[in-house]
Amino acid sequence: MLTGKLIVEQINPAWLIFSEGFHKSRIRRFLKRTTDLLLSITLLILLLPVIIITAVIIKIDSTGPVFFSQERVGENRKTYMVYKFRSMIAEAEKHSGPVWAQDGDDRITRVGSFIRKWRIDEIPQLINVLKGDMSFVGPRPEREFFVKELEDIIPYYGERFTVKPGITGWAQVSYGYGASVEDAIQKLNYDLFYIKNMSTFMDLMIVLRTIKIVLFSKGAR
């Protein structure tokens, strides 16, 4: 509780099997889904001007589609297409294959750098929340390519798929962006803590911390 995370190397399997925190009631899931629907609808309406302006400047700045979609692994390992504003050049992984974004990544466009800094590129994921693919708060969704690699290395990585992935999450506000296996381990420590202690109050705290991070433009790549 003091560190806000669980340590995967020290977890006893019985903690996951018998701990009440890892089993979510229907009422808890219903309340979370209701909150997600209300938040996503409200924000899509309020942010409509930002969505339109962003779409226009992306189209002016570089060739390619306004929106970017990519397959991710969600709750119960169900795959879905996540939506974002395109912040990189079109077909950014054509020659490199799947890779994590790095500091100073030359694939990121001028507008892309700005919308990543202010998390504007994440706004279209509100559609994923509306559809039920994601929650507003939860572990960040990962690509299947990296999931297979990380599950072979990191114990209990599969526990992330017991809940819906989120636009923001405890790992994001506590650790920031990760682009390595070591980062993935550290973020999983926070994700497991969130899954065990998930509550409306904790979700609210994460949202408030996310707003603070966005205002000070920390952790984006």
Protein backbone atom coordinates (compact mmCIF):
# COMPACT_ATOMS: atom_id res chain seq x y z
CA MET A 1 0.00 0.00 0.00
CA LEU A 2 2.88 2.39 0.70
CA THR A 3 4.52 1.80 -2.70
CA GLY A 4 1.26 1.49 -4.64
CA LYS A 5 2.37 -1.68 -6.39
CA LEU A 6 2.76 -5.43 -6.12
CA ILE A 7 6.10 -7.08 -6.93
CA VAL A 8 5.57 -9.82 -9.50
CA GLU A 9 8.73 -11.69 -8.45
CA GLN A 10 7.37 -12.01 -4.88
CA ILE A 11 3.74 -12.94 -5.61
CA ASN A 12 2.43 -16.22 -4.23
CA PRO A 13 0.01 -17.85 -6.74
CA ALA A 14 -2.48 -18.36 -3.88
CA TRP A 15 -2.81 -14.57 -3.56
CA LEU A 16 -4.30 -14.41 -7.03
CA ILE A 17 -6.52 -17.48 -6.59
CA PHE A 18 -7.96 -16.70 -3.17
CA SER A 19 -7.72 -12.91 -2.87
CA GLU A 20 -11.12 -11.22 -3.09
CA GLY A 21 -9.58 -8.21 -4.77
CA PHE A 22 -8.92 -10.11 -8.00
CA HIS A 23 -12.56 -11.22 -8.33
CA LYS A 24 -14.87 -8.38 -9.41
CA SER A 25 -18.57 -8.54 -8.58
CA ARG A 26 -21.25 -7.85 -11.20
CA ILE A 27 -22.24 -4.72 -9.29
CA ARG A 28 -18.67 -3.36 -9.40
CA ARG A 29 -18.42 -4.06 -13.13
CA PHE A 30 -21.86 -2.51 -13.75
CA LEU A 31 -20.94 0.68 -11.89
CA LYS A 32 -17.65 0.97 -13.75
CA ARG A 33 -19.35 0.45 -17.12
CA THR A 34 -22.02 3.04 -16.31
CA THR A 35 -19.36 5.57 -15.34
CA ASP A 36 -17.44 4.82 -18.55
CA LEU A 37 -20.51 5.46 -20.70
CA LEU A 38 -21.35 8.75 -19.01
CA LEU A 39 -17.74 9.99 -19.18
CA SER A 40 -17.13 8.99 -22.79
CA ILE A 41 -20.38 10.54 -24.08
CA THR A 42 -19.83 13.76 -22.13
CA LEU A 43 -16.19 14.14 -23.21
CA LEU A 44 -16.92 13.37 -26.88
CA ILE A 45 -19.48 16.18 -26.89
CA LEU A 46 -17.26 18.66 -25.02
CA LEU A 47 -14.16 17.85 -27.08
CA LEU A 48 -15.86 17.95 -30.48
CA PRO A 49 -14.22 21.30 -31.44
CA VAL A 50 -10.79 19.89 -30.48
CA ILE A 51 -11.47 16.75 -32.52
CA ILE A 52 -12.40 18.76 -35.64
CA ILE A 53 -9.43 21.15 -35.37
CA THR A 54 -6.99 18.28 -34.76
CA ALA A 55 -8.31 16.37 -37.77
CA VAL A 56 -7.82 19.40 -40.01
CA ILE A 57 -4.24 20.19 -38.93
CA ILE A 58 -3.17 16.54 -39.20
CA LYS A 59 -4.43 16.48 -42.78
CA ILE A 60 -2.62 19.73 -43.59
CA ASP A 61 0.65 18.72 -41.91
CA SER A 62 1.29 15.35 -43.54
CA THR A 63 -0.04 12.86 -46.05
CA GLY A 64 -2.05 9.92 -44.77
CA PRO A 65 -5.26 9.28 -42.85
CA VAL A 66 -6.36 11.43 -39.91
CA PHE A 67 -7.05 8.46 -37.68
CA PHE A 68 -4.81 5.54 -36.84
CA SER A 69 -6.13 2.12 -35.85
CA GLN A 70 -4.19 -0.84 -34.55
CA GLU A 71 -5.07 -4.22 -33.06
CA ARG A 72 -4.71 -4.54 -29.29
CA VAL A 73 -5.40 -7.27 -26.74
CA GLY A 74 -8.27 -6.48 -24.36
CA GLU A 75 -10.24 -8.12 -21.57
CA ASN A 76 -10.20 -11.93 -21.65
CA ARG A 77 -7.59 -11.68 -24.44
CA LYS A 78 -10.17 -10.47 -26.93
CA THR A 79 -8.53 -8.45 -29.68
CA TYR A 80 -9.99 -5.18 -30.91
CA MET A 81 -8.97 -2.15 -32.95
CA VAL A 82 -7.84 0.84 -30.89
CA TYR A 83 -8.37 4.31 -32.38
CA LYS A 84 -6.04 7.28 -32.16
CA PHE A 85 -5.22 10.43 -34.07
CA ARG A 86 -2.30 9.64 -36.37
CA SER A 87 0.84 11.14 -34.86
CA MET A 88 3.44 9.37 -37.02
CA ILE A 89 4.13 9.27 -40.72
CA ALA A 90 1.91 6.91 -42.69
CA GLU A 91 3.08 3.26 -42.62
CA ALA A 92 5.60 4.09 -39.87
CA GLU A 93 6.48 0.41 -39.27
CA LYS A 94 6.66 -0.66 -42.90
CA HIS A 95 10.40 -1.31 -42.72
CA SER A 96 11.06 -1.67 -38.98
CA GLY A 97 8.18 -3.93 -37.95
CA PRO A 98 6.52 -3.56 -34.50
CA VAL A 99 8.66 -1.37 -32.23
CA TRP A 100 8.01 0.82 -29.19
CA ALA A 101 8.20 4.59 -29.68
CA GLN A 102 11.43 6.12 -28.41
CA ASP A 103 12.54 9.60 -27.32
CA GLY A 104 13.16 11.74 -30.39
CA ASP A 105 11.48 9.18 -32.66
CA ASP A 106 11.91 10.52 -36.20
CA ARG A 107 8.67 8.83 -37.33
CA ILE A 108 6.62 11.35 -35.34
CA THR A 109 5.28 14.30 -37.36
CA ARG A 110 5.37 17.95 -36.26
CA VAL A 111 1.69 17.92 -35.34
CA GLY A 112 2.13 14.43 -33.90
CA SER A 113 4.73 15.69 -31.44
CA PHE A 114 2.30 18.35 -30.19
CA ILE A 115 -0.75 16.09 -29.85
CA ARG A 116 1.31 13.43 -28.09
CA LYS A 117 2.65 16.00 -25.64
CA TRP A 118 -0.88 17.05 -24.68
CA ARG A 119 -2.38 13.52 -25.04
CA ILE A 120 -4.76 14.76 -27.74
CA ASP A 121 -3.92 11.69 -29.84
CA GLU A 122 -5.71 9.56 -27.23
CA ILE A 123 -9.11 11.28 -27.61
CA PRO A 124 -10.49 8.86 -30.26
CA GLN A 125 -10.15 6.05 -27.72
CA LEU A 126 -13.32 7.45 -26.14
CA ILE A 127 -15.05 5.63 -29.02
CA ASN A 128 -13.44 2.39 -27.79
CA VAL A 129 -14.82 3.12 -24.32
CA LEU A 130 -18.26 3.79 -25.77
CA LYS A 131 -18.14 0.49 -27.68
CA GLY A 132 -17.12 -1.42 -24.55
CA ASP A 133 -13.65 -2.43 -25.78
CA MET A 134 -11.98 -0.28 -23.13
CA SER A 135 -12.63 1.40 -19.82
CA PHE A 136 -11.71 4.98 -18.97
CA VAL A 137 -9.28 3.67 -16.32
CA GLY A 138 -7.40 0.39 -16.53
CA PRO A 139 -4.11 -1.19 -17.69
CA ARG A 140 -2.93 0.27 -20.99
CA PRO A 141 -3.71 -2.06 -23.93
CA GLU A 142 -0.76 -3.74 -25.58
CA ARG A 143 -0.21 -5.22 -29.02
CA GLU A 144 -0.38 -8.99 -29.43
CA PHE A 145 3.16 -9.04 -30.81
CA PHE A 146 4.52 -7.64 -27.54
CA VAL A 147 2.06 -9.57 -25.34
CA LYS A 148 3.40 -12.93 -26.57
CA GLU A 149 6.97 -11.78 -25.95
CA LEU A 150 6.28 -10.34 -22.49
CA GLU A 151 4.24 -13.32 -21.27
CA ASP A 152 7.22 -15.58 -21.93
CA ILE A 153 9.42 -13.37 -19.76
CA ILE A 154 7.23 -11.80 -17.07
CA PRO A 155 5.27 -13.91 -14.53
CA TYR A 156 1.55 -13.10 -14.11
CA TYR A 157 1.53 -10.81 -17.14
CA GLY A 158 -1.72 -12.48 -18.22
CA GLU A 159 -3.50 -11.07 -15.15
CA ARG A 160 -3.76 -7.75 -17.01
CA PHE A 161 -6.45 -9.29 -19.18
CA THR A 162 -8.87 -9.95 -16.32
CA VAL A 163 -10.14 -6.36 -16.64
CA LYS A 164 -10.72 -3.98 -19.53
CA PRO A 165 -7.74 -1.91 -20.67
CA GLY A 166 -7.96 1.84 -20.06
CA ILE A 167 -7.17 5.17 -21.69
CA THR A 168 -5.30 6.03 -18.50
CA GLY A 169 -4.27 3.87 -15.58
CA TRP A 170 -2.45 3.54 -12.28
CA ALA A 171 0.77 2.46 -14.02
CA GLN A 172 0.62 5.47 -16.37
CA VAL A 173 0.26 8.05 -13.59
CA SER A 174 2.75 6.27 -11.31
CA TYR A 175 5.49 5.23 -13.72
CA GLY A 176 4.97 6.92 -17.08
CA TYR A 177 5.83 5.68 -20.56
CA GLY A 178 7.66 2.37 -20.91
CA ALA A 179 9.65 1.13 -23.91
CA SER A 180 11.50 -1.93 -22.60
CA VAL A 181 10.93 -5.26 -20.87
CA GLU A 182 12.12 -3.77 -17.58
CA ASP A 183 9.60 -0.96 -17.95
CA ALA A 184 6.88 -3.53 -18.67
CA ILE A 185 7.74 -5.37 -15.43
CA GLN A 186 7.56 -2.17 -13.40
CA LYS A 187 4.24 -1.18 -14.99
CA LEU A 188 2.81 -4.64 -14.35
CA ASN A 189 3.60 -4.17 -10.64
CA TYR A 190 1.34 -1.11 -10.65
CA ASP A 191 -1.30 -2.73 -12.87
CA LEU A 192 -1.68 -5.68 -10.49
CA PHE A 193 -2.03 -3.30 -7.55
CA TYR A 194 -4.79 -1.47 -9.42
CA ILE A 195 -6.63 -4.65 -10.40
CA LYS A 196 -6.60 -5.86 -6.79
CA ASN A 197 -7.72 -2.52 -5.32
CA MET A 198 -9.92 -1.23 -8.15
CA SER A 199 -12.64 1.12 -6.91
CA THR A 200 -14.56 4.24 -7.97
CA PHE A 201 -12.46 6.34 -5.58
CA MET A 202 -9.20 4.99 -7.04
CA ASP A 203 -10.46 5.63 -10.58
CA LEU A 204 -11.27 9.23 -9.64
CA MET A 205 -7.82 9.69 -8.11
CA ILE A 206 -6.19 8.34 -11.30
CA VAL A 207 -8.26 10.68 -13.49
CA LEU A 208 -7.23 13.69 -11.37
CA ARG A 209 -3.57 12.68 -11.50
CA THR A 210 -3.88 12.21 -15.27
CA ILE A 211 -5.21 15.75 -15.64
CA LYS A 212 -2.25 17.04 -13.63
CA ILE A 213 0.22 15.10 -15.82
CA VAL A 214 -1.38 16.39 -19.02
CA LEU A 215 -1.27 20.00 -17.78
CA PHE A 216 2.46 19.68 -17.07
CA SER A 217 3.07 17.62 -20.25
CA LYS A 218 5.05 14.84 -18.60
CA GLY A 219 5.79 11.33 -19.86
CA ALA A 220 4.76 11.57 -23.53
CA ARG A 221 6.70 10.05 -26.43
